[in-house]
Every structure is written in structure tokens, then in C-alpha cells.
Amino acid sequence: MDGIDDHRHCKVCGKPCGLDRDVCSKACRATFDTRKRTRQNYTYVMYGLITFLLLLFALQIFHL
């Protein structure tokens, strides 16, 4: 479109920001980092749970 500069939108609040940035402010960066850590921790817990269940399943099969 004519008249609109290339830009991205903040991943937290949706406001326009530059092409080289994911977030628009320090407050949004803090929120983004907190959400990122939470997602990462959730992923680790899920992988741990899957591993535990697979080990439990393997012990059940080979025990019989």
C-alpha cells in the first residue's frame, strides 16, 4: 500500500514498531520475556512427563 512504511507489530500489545524489534517498549519486553520463560518451563515439564510415562510403560511391558 502506498503511504504506509514497512513495520512489524509488537508481539505483546499489537502496536506498530520497527522492523528490527519484536516489542515496542521495555514493559512489553518484560512481559514477552516472562511469557517466553513460562512457555519454556511448560515445555520442559511436558517432555519430562512424557519421558516418565514412556519409562513407566516400558517397565510394565518388560516386567511381564
Protein backbone atom coordinates (compact mmCIF):
# COMPACT_ATOMS: atom_id res chain seq x y z
CA MET A 1 0.00 0.00 0.00
CA ASP A 2 1.17 3.50 -0.67
CA GLY A 3 1.85 5.77 2.27
CA ILE A 4 2.46 3.06 4.86
CA ASP A 5 6.05 2.35 5.85
CA ASP A 6 7.16 -1.24 6.37
CA HIS A 7 6.75 -2.21 10.01
CA ARG A 8 6.00 -5.02 12.44
CA HIS A 9 3.56 -5.13 15.29
CA CYS A 10 4.51 -5.65 18.92
CA LYS A 11 4.06 -9.30 19.96
CA VAL A 12 2.56 -8.21 23.28
CA CYS A 13 0.30 -5.22 22.69
CA GLY A 14 0.00 -5.07 18.89
CA LYS A 15 1.27 -1.51 18.43
CA PRO A 16 3.42 -0.83 15.35
CA CYS A 17 7.18 -0.94 15.92
CA GLY A 18 10.26 -1.08 13.72
CA LEU A 19 11.28 -4.00 11.53
CA ASP A 20 14.24 -4.74 13.78
CA ARG A 21 12.20 -5.07 17.01
CA ASP A 22 9.78 -7.68 18.32
CA VAL A 23 8.30 -5.46 21.04
CA CYS A 24 7.65 -1.74 21.35
CA SER A 25 8.78 -0.89 24.90
CA LYS A 26 10.63 -2.08 27.99
CA ALA A 27 7.35 -3.02 29.67
CA CYS A 28 6.36 -5.18 26.69
CA ARG A 29 9.88 -6.72 26.67
CA ALA A 30 9.47 -7.74 30.32
CA THR A 31 6.05 -9.26 29.60
CA PHE A 32 7.39 -11.02 26.50
CA ASP A 33 10.38 -12.47 28.38
CA THR A 34 8.15 -13.69 31.23
CA ARG A 35 5.80 -15.41 28.79
CA LYS A 36 8.76 -16.93 26.95
CA ARG A 37 10.19 -18.39 30.20
CA THR A 38 6.77 -19.73 31.18
CA ARG A 39 6.35 -21.45 27.81
CA GLN A 40 9.86 -22.87 28.05
CA ASN A 41 9.25 -24.25 31.55
CA TYR A 42 5.94 -25.76 30.42
CA THR A 43 7.76 -27.47 27.54
CA TYR A 44 10.34 -28.96 29.93
CA VAL A 45 7.60 -30.26 32.23
CA MET A 46 5.74 -31.83 29.30
CA TYR A 47 8.89 -33.57 27.99
CA GLY A 48 9.63 -34.82 31.50
CA LEU A 49 6.10 -36.16 31.87
CA ILE A 50 6.23 -37.90 28.50
CA THR A 51 9.60 -39.45 29.39
CA PHE A 52 8.28 -40.62 32.76
CA LEU A 53 5.20 -42.19 31.18
CA LEU A 54 7.27 -43.92 28.49
CA LEU A 55 9.59 -45.34 31.15
CA LEU A 56 6.62 -46.48 33.20
CA PHE A 57 5.11 -48.12 30.10
CA ALA A 58 8.44 -49.82 29.25
CA LEU A 59 8.75 -51.18 32.81
CA GLN A 60 5.24 -52.59 32.58
CA ILE A 61 5.94 -54.34 29.27
CA PHE A 62 9.31 -55.83 30.21
CA HIS A 63 8.27 -56.79 33.71
CA LEU A 64 5.74 -59.32 32.43
